[in-house]
Amino acid sequence: QVQVVESGGGLVQPGGSLRLSCAASGSIFRFNAMGWYRQAPGKQRELVASITRGGITTYADSVKGRFTISTDNAKNTLYLQMNTLKPEDTAVYYCKLTLTTYGGRFSGDDYWGQGTQVTVSS
C-alpha cells in the first residue's frame, strides 16, 4: 500500500510564492518518475513540471523560470516551488508519482495525490 499526501496550497497575491509538497509512504522500492499537474475550472488537466529518476526536469512553457520541481529522496517527498505567481496559475494542483513497490510491477504504477487548491488573486 502506498499513501500520497499533498500540502502547501492556499491563497496568494500576484507576484507571491508558494511551495507544494507531495509525500509518499508505504512499501516503496523506488521512485521512477514524478510530476506536478494542474487543472483549472473548465480546462483539461495539464502537466506543469516533471522530474525523472535521474534528475532530468521538464517544465511547461507557461511556468519556465518561475517554478522549480525537486525531490528529497530521504523523505520520499516531491516539491514544487512556485514564484512570481500569476492569476492564470490558479488551479487545483496534483502530484503524480510513478513508483515501484515491493511486490509490484518493476516498471512501476502511478499514484496521484488528492489535489491542493492554489488561488492567485489580489
C-alpha atoms as a PDB file:
ATOM      1  CA  GLN A   1       0.000   0.000   0.000  1.00  0.00           C
ATOM      2  CA  VAL A   2       1.163   3.493  -0.856  1.00  0.00           C
ATOM      3  CA  GLN A   3      -0.195   6.738   0.552  1.00  0.00           C
ATOM      4  CA  VAL A   4       0.368  10.067  -1.194  1.00  0.00           C
ATOM      5  CA  VAL A   5      -0.441  13.292   0.646  1.00  0.00           C
ATOM      6  CA  GLU A   6      -0.183  16.787  -0.790  1.00  0.00           C
ATOM      7  CA  SER A   7       0.090  20.025   1.122  1.00  0.00           C
ATOM      8  CA  GLY A   8       1.045  23.650   0.655  1.00  0.00           C
ATOM      9  CA  GLY A   9      -1.719  25.195  -1.414  1.00  0.00           C
ATOM     10  CA  GLY A  10      -3.549  28.359  -0.500  1.00  0.00           C
ATOM     11  CA  LEU A  11      -4.404  31.921  -1.442  1.00  0.00           C
ATOM     12  CA  VAL A  12      -1.589  34.214  -2.528  1.00  0.00           C
ATOM     13  CA  GLN A  13      -1.363  37.613  -4.165  1.00  0.00           C
ATOM     14  CA  PRO A  14       0.035  38.014  -7.674  1.00  0.00           C
ATOM     15  CA  GLY A  15       3.816  38.005  -7.525  1.00  0.00           C
ATOM     16  CA  GLY A  16       3.836  35.848  -4.417  1.00  0.00           C
ATOM     17  CA  SER A  17       5.259  32.396  -3.787  1.00  0.00           C
ATOM     18  CA  LEU A  18       4.068  29.019  -2.572  1.00  0.00           C
ATOM     19  CA  ARG A  19       5.731  25.649  -2.129  1.00  0.00           C
ATOM     20  CA  LEU A  20       3.740  22.483  -2.686  1.00  0.00           C
ATOM     21  CA  SER A  21       4.763  19.191  -1.122  1.00  0.00           C
ATOM     22  CA  CYS A  22       3.832  15.632  -2.046  1.00  0.00           C
ATOM     23  CA  ALA A  23       4.848  12.998   0.498  1.00  0.00           C
ATOM     24  CA  ALA A  24       4.710   9.297  -0.211  1.00  0.00           C
ATOM     25  CA  SER A  25       4.783   6.484   2.309  1.00  0.00           C
ATOM     26  CA  GLY A  26       4.387   2.740   2.263  1.00  0.00           C
ATOM     27  CA  SER A  27       6.166  -0.184   0.670  1.00  0.00           C
ATOM     28  CA  ILE A  28       8.147   1.874  -1.838  1.00  0.00           C
ATOM     29  CA  PHE A  29      11.112   0.278  -3.540  1.00  0.00           C
ATOM     30  CA  ARG A  30      11.990   3.261  -5.720  1.00  0.00           C
ATOM     31  CA  PHE A  31      10.702   6.373  -7.446  1.00  0.00           C
ATOM     32  CA  ASN A  32      10.724   6.222 -11.230  1.00  0.00           C
ATOM     33  CA  ALA A  33       9.244   9.487 -12.443  1.00  0.00           C
ATOM     34  CA  MET A  34       7.361  12.271 -10.717  1.00  0.00           C
ATOM     35  CA  GLY A  35       5.335  15.214 -11.873  1.00  0.00           C
ATOM     36  CA  TRP A  36       3.006  18.032 -10.986  1.00  0.00           C
ATOM     37  CA  TYR A  37      -0.199  18.639 -12.910  1.00  0.00           C
ATOM     38  CA  ARG A  38      -2.866  21.275 -12.587  1.00  0.00           C
ATOM     39  CA  GLN A  39      -6.468  21.648 -13.595  1.00  0.00           C
ATOM     40  CA  ALA A  40      -8.239  24.977 -13.789  1.00  0.00           C
ATOM     41  CA  PRO A  41     -12.057  25.207 -13.869  1.00  0.00           C
ATOM     42  CA  GLY A  42     -13.369  24.234 -17.272  1.00  0.00           C
ATOM     43  CA  LYS A  43      -9.962  23.154 -18.537  1.00  0.00           C
ATOM     44  CA  GLN A  44      -8.177  19.872 -19.007  1.00  0.00           C
ATOM     45  CA  ARG A  45      -5.526  18.710 -16.588  1.00  0.00           C
ATOM     46  CA  GLU A  46      -2.099  19.751 -17.822  1.00  0.00           C
ATOM     47  CA  LEU A  47       1.464  18.805 -16.967  1.00  0.00           C
ATOM     48  CA  VAL A  48       3.274  21.603 -15.157  1.00  0.00           C
ATOM     49  CA  ALA A  49       6.637  20.039 -14.364  1.00  0.00           C
ATOM     50  CA  SER A  50       8.247  16.625 -14.198  1.00  0.00           C
ATOM     51  CA  ILE A  51      11.437  15.043 -12.936  1.00  0.00           C
ATOM     52  CA  THR A  52      12.953  11.693 -13.806  1.00  0.00           C
ATOM     53  CA  ARG A  53      14.716   9.250 -11.542  1.00  0.00           C
ATOM     54  CA  GLY A  54      17.971  10.644 -12.910  1.00  0.00           C
ATOM     55  CA  GLY A  55      17.005  14.207 -12.052  1.00  0.00           C
ATOM     56  CA  ILE A  56      16.116  15.477 -15.529  1.00  0.00           C
ATOM     57  CA  THR A  57      13.440  18.149 -15.288  1.00  0.00           C
ATOM     58  CA  THR A  58      10.930  19.493 -17.775  1.00  0.00           C
ATOM     59  CA  TYR A  59       8.543  22.415 -17.465  1.00  0.00           C
ATOM     60  CA  ALA A  60       5.532  23.757 -19.279  1.00  0.00           C
ATOM     61  CA  ASP A  61       6.417  26.922 -21.176  1.00  0.00           C
ATOM     62  CA  SER A  62       3.988  28.901 -19.061  1.00  0.00           C
ATOM     63  CA  VAL A  63       5.943  28.224 -15.840  1.00  0.00           C
ATOM     64  CA  LYS A  64       9.548  28.116 -17.033  1.00  0.00           C
ATOM     65  CA  GLY A  65      11.755  30.355 -14.969  1.00  0.00           C
ATOM     66  CA  ARG A  66       9.130  30.668 -12.237  1.00  0.00           C
ATOM     67  CA  PHE A  67       8.524  27.121 -10.954  1.00  0.00           C
ATOM     68  CA  THR A  68      11.081  24.598  -9.740  1.00  0.00           C
ATOM     69  CA  ILE A  69      10.456  20.896  -9.208  1.00  0.00           C
ATOM     70  CA  SER A  70      12.668  18.989  -6.777  1.00  0.00           C
ATOM     71  CA  THR A  71      12.784  15.904  -4.597  1.00  0.00           C
ATOM     72  CA  ASP A  72      14.033  14.901  -1.177  1.00  0.00           C
ATOM     73  CA  ASN A  73      14.697  11.197  -1.580  1.00  0.00           C
ATOM     74  CA  ALA A  74      15.376  10.686   2.106  1.00  0.00           C
ATOM     75  CA  LYS A  75      11.877  11.959   2.880  1.00  0.00           C
ATOM     76  CA  ASN A  76      10.156  10.418  -0.165  1.00  0.00           C
ATOM     77  CA  THR A  77       8.852  13.876  -0.941  1.00  0.00           C
ATOM     78  CA  LEU A  78       8.327  15.834  -4.129  1.00  0.00           C
ATOM     79  CA  TYR A  79       8.212  19.629  -4.122  1.00  0.00           C
ATOM     80  CA  LEU A  80       7.082  22.390  -6.435  1.00  0.00           C
ATOM     81  CA  GLN A  81       8.416  25.833  -5.633  1.00  0.00           C
ATOM     82  CA  MET A  82       6.237  28.420  -7.337  1.00  0.00           C
ATOM     83  CA  ASN A  83       7.478  32.001  -7.572  1.00  0.00           C
ATOM     84  CA  THR A  84       6.120  35.099  -9.259  1.00  0.00           C
ATOM     85  CA  LEU A  85       2.660  33.598  -9.267  1.00  0.00           C
ATOM     86  CA  LYS A  86       0.070  34.904 -11.701  1.00  0.00           C
ATOM     87  CA  PRO A  87      -3.740  34.746 -11.620  1.00  0.00           C
ATOM     88  CA  GLU A  88      -3.606  32.269 -14.503  1.00  0.00           C
ATOM     89  CA  ASP A  89      -1.742  29.845 -12.220  1.00  0.00           C
ATOM     90  CA  THR A  90      -4.949  29.409 -10.237  1.00  0.00           C
ATOM     91  CA  ALA A  91      -5.903  25.727 -10.328  1.00  0.00           C
ATOM     92  CA  VAL A  92      -6.019  22.513  -8.356  1.00  0.00           C
ATOM     93  CA  TYR A  93      -2.537  21.041  -8.362  1.00  0.00           C
ATOM     94  CA  TYR A  94      -1.954  17.292  -8.343  1.00  0.00           C
ATOM     95  CA  CYS A  95       1.216  15.294  -7.947  1.00  0.00           C
ATOM     96  CA  LYS A  96       1.706  12.038  -9.791  1.00  0.00           C
ATOM     97  CA  LEU A  97       4.324   9.552  -8.663  1.00  0.00           C
ATOM     98  CA  THR A  98       5.359   6.550 -10.712  1.00  0.00           C
ATOM     99  CA  LEU A  99       6.614   4.160  -8.072  1.00  0.00           C
ATOM    100  CA  THR A 100       7.924   0.646  -7.971  1.00  0.00           C
ATOM    101  CA  THR A 101       6.650  -1.037  -4.839  1.00  0.00           C
ATOM    102  CA  TYR A 102       7.806  -4.220  -3.137  1.00  0.00           C
ATOM    103  CA  GLY A 103       5.859  -6.988  -4.837  1.00  0.00           C
ATOM    104  CA  GLY A 104       4.609  -4.673  -7.573  1.00  0.00           C
ATOM    105  CA  ARG A 105       5.480  -4.256 -11.244  1.00  0.00           C
ATOM    106  CA  PHE A 106       9.130  -3.396 -11.801  1.00  0.00           C
ATOM    107  CA  SER A 107       8.147  -0.639 -14.236  1.00  0.00           C
ATOM    108  CA  GLY A 108       6.031   0.926 -11.531  1.00  0.00           C
ATOM    109  CA  ASP A 109       2.490   2.164 -11.121  1.00  0.00           C
ATOM    110  CA  ASP A 110       1.046   5.670 -10.968  1.00  0.00           C
ATOM    111  CA  TYR A 111      -0.134   7.172  -7.700  1.00  0.00           C
ATOM    112  CA  TRP A 112      -1.921  10.502  -7.539  1.00  0.00           C
ATOM    113  CA  GLY A 113      -2.176  12.973  -4.715  1.00  0.00           C
ATOM    114  CA  GLN A 114      -5.541  14.253  -3.561  1.00  0.00           C
ATOM    115  CA  GLY A 115      -5.029  17.698  -5.071  1.00  0.00           C
ATOM    116  CA  THR A 116      -4.411  21.057  -3.448  1.00  0.00           C
ATOM    117  CA  GLN A 117      -6.025  24.361  -4.410  1.00  0.00           C
ATOM    118  CA  VAL A 118      -3.806  27.268  -5.430  1.00  0.00           C
ATOM    119  CA  THR A 119      -5.555  30.602  -5.847  1.00  0.00           C
ATOM    120  CA  VAL A 120      -3.684  33.669  -7.053  1.00  0.00           C
ATOM    121  CA  SER A 121      -5.722  36.796  -6.534  1.00  0.00           C
ATOM    122  CA  SER A 122      -5.464  40.290  -5.142  1.00  0.00           C
END
